[in-house]
N, C-alpha and C. Protein backbone atom coordinates (compact mmCIF):
# COMPACT_ATOMS: atom_id res chain seq x y z
N UNK A 1 52.58 86.62 -15.59
CA UNK A 1 51.91 86.86 -14.34
C UNK A 1 50.70 87.76 -14.53
N UNK A 2 50.87 88.82 -15.30
CA UNK A 2 49.76 89.74 -15.56
C UNK A 2 48.66 89.02 -16.33
N UNK A 3 49.08 88.16 -17.21
CA UNK A 3 48.11 87.38 -17.98
C UNK A 3 47.27 86.50 -17.06
N UNK A 4 47.87 85.86 -16.07
CA UNK A 4 47.15 85.02 -15.11
C UNK A 4 46.16 85.85 -14.30
N UNK A 5 46.55 87.05 -13.91
CA UNK A 5 45.66 87.93 -13.16
C UNK A 5 44.47 88.33 -14.01
N UNK A 6 44.69 88.63 -15.28
CA UNK A 6 43.59 88.98 -16.18
C UNK A 6 42.62 87.83 -16.35
N UNK A 7 43.14 86.63 -16.49
CA UNK A 7 42.28 85.45 -16.64
C UNK A 7 41.49 85.24 -15.37
N UNK A 8 42.13 85.36 -14.21
CA UNK A 8 41.43 85.20 -12.93
C UNK A 8 40.34 86.26 -12.77
N UNK A 9 40.62 87.47 -13.18
CA UNK A 9 39.62 88.53 -13.04
C UNK A 9 38.42 88.28 -13.94
N UNK A 10 38.61 87.56 -15.01
CA UNK A 10 37.50 87.22 -15.89
C UNK A 10 36.73 86.02 -15.35
N UNK A 11 37.44 85.03 -14.84
CA UNK A 11 36.82 83.79 -14.38
C UNK A 11 36.21 83.93 -12.99
N UNK A 12 36.80 84.71 -12.12
CA UNK A 12 36.37 84.82 -10.73
C UNK A 12 34.89 85.18 -10.57
N UNK A 13 34.35 86.14 -11.31
CA UNK A 13 32.91 86.43 -11.16
C UNK A 13 32.02 85.23 -11.49
N UNK A 14 32.41 84.42 -12.46
CA UNK A 14 31.64 83.24 -12.81
C UNK A 14 31.68 82.20 -11.69
N UNK A 15 32.85 82.05 -11.07
CA UNK A 15 32.98 81.11 -9.96
C UNK A 15 32.13 81.57 -8.79
N UNK A 16 32.17 82.87 -8.47
CA UNK A 16 31.35 83.40 -7.37
C UNK A 16 29.86 83.24 -7.66
N UNK A 17 29.47 83.48 -8.91
CA UNK A 17 28.06 83.32 -9.29
C UNK A 17 27.64 81.86 -9.14
N UNK A 18 28.49 80.93 -9.53
CA UNK A 18 28.20 79.51 -9.40
C UNK A 18 28.04 79.13 -7.93
N UNK A 19 28.90 79.67 -7.06
CA UNK A 19 28.81 79.38 -5.64
C UNK A 19 27.50 79.91 -5.06
N UNK A 20 27.08 81.07 -5.48
CA UNK A 20 25.82 81.65 -5.00
C UNK A 20 24.64 80.79 -5.42
N UNK A 21 24.68 80.21 -6.60
CA UNK A 21 23.60 79.37 -7.09
C UNK A 21 23.45 78.10 -6.25
N UNK A 22 24.53 77.61 -5.68
CA UNK A 22 24.48 76.39 -4.89
C UNK A 22 23.96 76.61 -3.48
N UNK A 23 23.78 77.85 -3.07
CA UNK A 23 23.35 78.14 -1.71
C UNK A 23 21.89 78.57 -1.65
N UNK A 24 21.09 78.09 -2.56
CA UNK A 24 19.68 78.46 -2.58
C UNK A 24 18.95 77.80 -1.41
N UNK A 25 18.04 78.54 -0.78
CA UNK A 25 17.30 78.02 0.36
C UNK A 25 15.84 78.43 0.23
N UNK A 26 15.00 77.66 0.88
CA UNK A 26 13.58 78.00 0.97
C UNK A 26 13.17 77.79 2.42
N UNK A 27 12.44 78.73 2.95
CA UNK A 27 11.97 78.64 4.33
C UNK A 27 10.45 78.68 4.31
N UNK A 28 9.86 77.63 4.86
CA UNK A 28 8.41 77.59 5.01
C UNK A 28 8.08 78.09 6.41
N UNK A 29 7.12 78.97 6.50
CA UNK A 29 6.76 79.52 7.81
C UNK A 29 5.28 79.27 8.06
N UNK A 30 4.98 78.79 9.26
CA UNK A 30 3.61 78.47 9.62
C UNK A 30 3.27 79.13 10.95
N UNK A 31 2.05 79.62 11.06
CA UNK A 31 1.54 80.12 12.33
C UNK A 31 0.75 78.98 12.96
N UNK A 32 1.38 78.27 13.88
CA UNK A 32 0.77 77.06 14.44
C UNK A 32 -0.36 77.36 15.42
N UNK A 33 -0.66 78.65 15.62
CA UNK A 33 -1.84 79.02 16.41
C UNK A 33 -3.11 78.93 15.58
N UNK A 34 -2.94 78.91 14.25
CA UNK A 34 -4.10 78.85 13.35
C UNK A 34 -4.27 77.42 12.82
N UNK A 35 -5.50 76.95 12.86
CA UNK A 35 -5.80 75.57 12.47
C UNK A 35 -5.39 75.30 11.01
N UNK A 36 -5.65 76.23 10.12
CA UNK A 36 -5.31 76.03 8.70
C UNK A 36 -3.80 75.87 8.52
N UNK A 37 -3.01 76.67 9.23
CA UNK A 37 -1.55 76.54 9.15
C UNK A 37 -1.06 75.26 9.81
N UNK A 38 -1.73 74.81 10.85
CA UNK A 38 -1.37 73.54 11.47
C UNK A 38 -1.51 72.40 10.46
N UNK A 39 -2.61 72.44 9.70
CA UNK A 39 -2.84 71.42 8.68
C UNK A 39 -1.78 71.52 7.57
N UNK A 40 -1.46 72.72 7.15
CA UNK A 40 -0.43 72.91 6.12
C UNK A 40 0.93 72.43 6.62
N UNK A 41 1.24 72.70 7.86
CA UNK A 41 2.50 72.25 8.45
C UNK A 41 2.57 70.72 8.48
N UNK A 42 1.50 70.08 8.91
CA UNK A 42 1.47 68.62 8.96
C UNK A 42 1.64 68.03 7.56
N UNK A 43 0.98 68.61 6.59
CA UNK A 43 1.11 68.12 5.21
C UNK A 43 2.54 68.26 4.72
N UNK A 44 3.18 69.39 5.03
CA UNK A 44 4.56 69.62 4.59
C UNK A 44 5.52 68.65 5.26
N UNK A 45 5.32 68.39 6.55
CA UNK A 45 6.25 67.51 7.25
C UNK A 45 6.03 66.04 6.90
N UNK A 46 4.86 65.69 6.43
CA UNK A 46 4.55 64.29 6.07
C UNK A 46 4.72 64.01 4.58
N UNK A 47 5.14 64.98 3.80
CA UNK A 47 5.19 64.80 2.35
C UNK A 47 6.16 63.70 1.92
N UNK A 48 7.30 63.59 2.56
CA UNK A 48 8.26 62.54 2.20
C UNK A 48 7.71 61.16 2.56
N UNK A 49 7.10 61.06 3.75
CA UNK A 49 6.51 59.78 4.15
C UNK A 49 5.41 59.37 3.18
N UNK A 50 4.61 60.32 2.76
CA UNK A 50 3.54 60.03 1.82
C UNK A 50 4.11 59.59 0.46
N UNK A 51 5.15 60.27 0.01
CA UNK A 51 5.77 59.89 -1.27
C UNK A 51 6.35 58.47 -1.20
N UNK A 52 6.99 58.13 -0.08
CA UNK A 52 7.54 56.78 0.08
C UNK A 52 6.44 55.73 0.12
N UNK A 53 5.36 56.04 0.80
CA UNK A 53 4.24 55.09 0.88
C UNK A 53 3.62 54.88 -0.50
N UNK A 54 3.44 55.96 -1.24
CA UNK A 54 2.87 55.83 -2.58
C UNK A 54 3.79 55.05 -3.51
N UNK A 55 5.09 55.26 -3.37
CA UNK A 55 6.05 54.51 -4.18
C UNK A 55 5.92 53.03 -3.88
N UNK A 56 5.86 52.68 -2.59
CA UNK A 56 5.74 51.28 -2.20
C UNK A 56 4.44 50.67 -2.72
N UNK A 57 3.36 51.41 -2.61
CA UNK A 57 2.07 50.91 -3.12
C UNK A 57 2.16 50.68 -4.62
N UNK A 58 2.71 51.65 -5.33
CA UNK A 58 2.81 51.56 -6.79
C UNK A 58 3.62 50.34 -7.22
N UNK A 59 4.72 50.08 -6.54
CA UNK A 59 5.62 49.02 -6.97
C UNK A 59 5.28 47.64 -6.42
N UNK A 60 4.48 47.57 -5.38
CA UNK A 60 4.17 46.26 -4.80
C UNK A 60 2.74 45.81 -5.03
N UNK A 61 1.88 46.68 -5.50
CA UNK A 61 0.47 46.35 -5.71
C UNK A 61 0.32 45.24 -6.77
N UNK A 62 1.09 45.32 -7.82
CA UNK A 62 0.98 44.32 -8.89
C UNK A 62 1.30 42.93 -8.37
N UNK A 63 2.31 42.82 -7.53
CA UNK A 63 2.68 41.51 -6.97
C UNK A 63 1.56 40.96 -6.09
N UNK A 64 0.95 41.82 -5.30
CA UNK A 64 -0.15 41.39 -4.44
C UNK A 64 -1.30 40.86 -5.28
N UNK A 65 -1.65 41.57 -6.34
CA UNK A 65 -2.77 41.15 -7.19
C UNK A 65 -2.44 39.86 -7.93
N UNK A 66 -1.24 39.78 -8.49
CA UNK A 66 -0.85 38.58 -9.22
C UNK A 66 -0.86 37.35 -8.32
N UNK A 67 -0.38 37.51 -7.10
CA UNK A 67 -0.32 36.37 -6.17
C UNK A 67 -1.71 35.97 -5.69
N UNK A 68 -2.67 36.88 -5.75
CA UNK A 68 -4.02 36.58 -5.28
C UNK A 68 -4.90 35.97 -6.37
N UNK A 69 -4.52 36.16 -7.61
CA UNK A 69 -5.32 35.62 -8.72
C UNK A 69 -4.99 34.16 -8.96
N UNK A 70 -5.99 33.40 -9.24
CA UNK A 70 -5.80 32.01 -9.64
C UNK A 70 -6.87 31.67 -10.67
N UNK A 71 -6.97 30.42 -11.06
CA UNK A 71 -7.93 30.02 -12.09
C UNK A 71 -9.38 30.27 -11.69
N UNK A 72 -9.65 30.26 -10.41
CA UNK A 72 -11.03 30.42 -9.91
C UNK A 72 -11.32 31.86 -9.51
N UNK A 73 -10.55 32.81 -10.02
CA UNK A 73 -10.68 34.19 -9.58
C UNK A 73 -11.90 34.91 -10.16
N UNK A 74 -12.65 34.23 -11.01
CA UNK A 74 -13.80 34.88 -11.63
C UNK A 74 -15.01 34.95 -10.69
N UNK A 75 -14.99 34.20 -9.61
CA UNK A 75 -16.13 34.24 -8.70
C UNK A 75 -16.18 35.58 -7.98
N UNK A 76 -17.38 36.01 -7.67
CA UNK A 76 -17.59 37.29 -6.98
C UNK A 76 -16.88 37.31 -5.63
N UNK A 77 -16.96 36.20 -4.90
CA UNK A 77 -16.32 36.14 -3.59
C UNK A 77 -14.80 36.36 -3.71
N UNK A 78 -14.19 35.75 -4.70
CA UNK A 78 -12.75 35.91 -4.91
C UNK A 78 -12.40 37.36 -5.28
N UNK A 79 -13.26 37.98 -6.06
CA UNK A 79 -13.02 39.37 -6.44
C UNK A 79 -13.11 40.29 -5.23
N UNK A 80 -14.08 40.06 -4.36
CA UNK A 80 -14.20 40.85 -3.14
C UNK A 80 -13.02 40.59 -2.19
N UNK A 81 -12.58 39.35 -2.14
CA UNK A 81 -11.41 39.02 -1.33
C UNK A 81 -10.18 39.80 -1.81
N UNK A 82 -10.02 39.85 -3.12
CA UNK A 82 -8.90 40.58 -3.69
C UNK A 82 -9.00 42.08 -3.38
N UNK A 83 -10.20 42.64 -3.51
CA UNK A 83 -10.38 44.05 -3.17
C UNK A 83 -10.05 44.32 -1.71
N UNK A 84 -10.46 43.42 -0.82
CA UNK A 84 -10.13 43.57 0.60
C UNK A 84 -8.62 43.52 0.84
N UNK A 85 -7.94 42.63 0.12
CA UNK A 85 -6.48 42.53 0.25
C UNK A 85 -5.80 43.81 -0.22
N UNK A 86 -6.28 44.36 -1.33
CA UNK A 86 -5.70 45.59 -1.86
C UNK A 86 -5.91 46.74 -0.87
N UNK A 87 -7.12 46.86 -0.36
CA UNK A 87 -7.43 47.92 0.60
C UNK A 87 -6.58 47.76 1.86
N UNK A 88 -6.45 46.55 2.36
CA UNK A 88 -5.64 46.30 3.55
C UNK A 88 -4.17 46.61 3.29
N UNK A 89 -3.68 46.25 2.11
CA UNK A 89 -2.29 46.53 1.76
C UNK A 89 -2.03 48.03 1.77
N UNK A 90 -2.93 48.80 1.18
CA UNK A 90 -2.78 50.26 1.16
C UNK A 90 -2.79 50.81 2.58
N UNK A 91 -3.76 50.37 3.39
CA UNK A 91 -3.86 50.86 4.77
C UNK A 91 -2.60 50.54 5.59
N UNK A 92 -2.11 49.31 5.48
CA UNK A 92 -0.92 48.90 6.23
C UNK A 92 0.30 49.70 5.77
N UNK A 93 0.45 49.88 4.47
CA UNK A 93 1.59 50.62 3.94
C UNK A 93 1.58 52.06 4.44
N UNK A 94 0.42 52.70 4.38
CA UNK A 94 0.32 54.07 4.88
C UNK A 94 0.64 54.13 6.37
N UNK A 95 0.11 53.17 7.12
CA UNK A 95 0.35 53.13 8.56
C UNK A 95 1.83 52.94 8.88
N UNK A 96 2.49 52.06 8.12
CA UNK A 96 3.93 51.83 8.33
C UNK A 96 4.75 53.10 8.12
N UNK A 97 4.26 53.99 7.26
CA UNK A 97 4.96 55.24 6.97
C UNK A 97 4.44 56.40 7.83
N UNK A 98 3.58 56.08 8.78
CA UNK A 98 3.08 57.12 9.68
C UNK A 98 2.09 58.07 9.04
N UNK A 99 1.43 57.64 7.99
CA UNK A 99 0.47 58.50 7.28
C UNK A 99 -0.92 58.17 7.78
N UNK A 100 -1.59 59.16 8.34
CA UNK A 100 -2.99 59.04 8.76
C UNK A 100 -3.75 60.02 7.88
N UNK A 101 -4.42 59.49 6.87
CA UNK A 101 -5.08 60.32 5.87
C UNK A 101 -6.06 61.30 6.51
N UNK A 102 -6.80 60.85 7.50
CA UNK A 102 -7.80 61.74 8.14
C UNK A 102 -7.15 62.95 8.79
N UNK A 103 -5.88 62.83 9.22
CA UNK A 103 -5.18 63.97 9.80
C UNK A 103 -4.73 64.97 8.74
N UNK A 104 -4.58 64.51 7.50
CA UNK A 104 -4.08 65.37 6.43
C UNK A 104 -5.20 66.04 5.63
N UNK A 105 -6.42 65.56 5.79
CA UNK A 105 -7.57 66.08 5.05
C UNK A 105 -8.61 66.56 6.06
N UNK A 106 -9.12 67.75 5.82
CA UNK A 106 -10.19 68.26 6.70
C UNK A 106 -11.45 67.48 6.53
């Protein structure tokens, strides 16, 4: 019994330290009366949406380009068409995720 108590007294501080490590928190504070903090707040709250939009663009852009290319893709008109499709794809993806770039950049 005494042996068990000694082992617990050795192990218990490590268990408590491990529990403390799992309770880490971060608090972001913004003064929404100031324009600069309003912009920082908006950027912080939209960061996940922006990350998801960028992920979608990264993983779906190749398919869009491949599907738009054909044997006649060397013409200037076809190249501009492809650029327009890419630009539209990016704009739609950002819009679907609620990202308005002009709101995030001064």
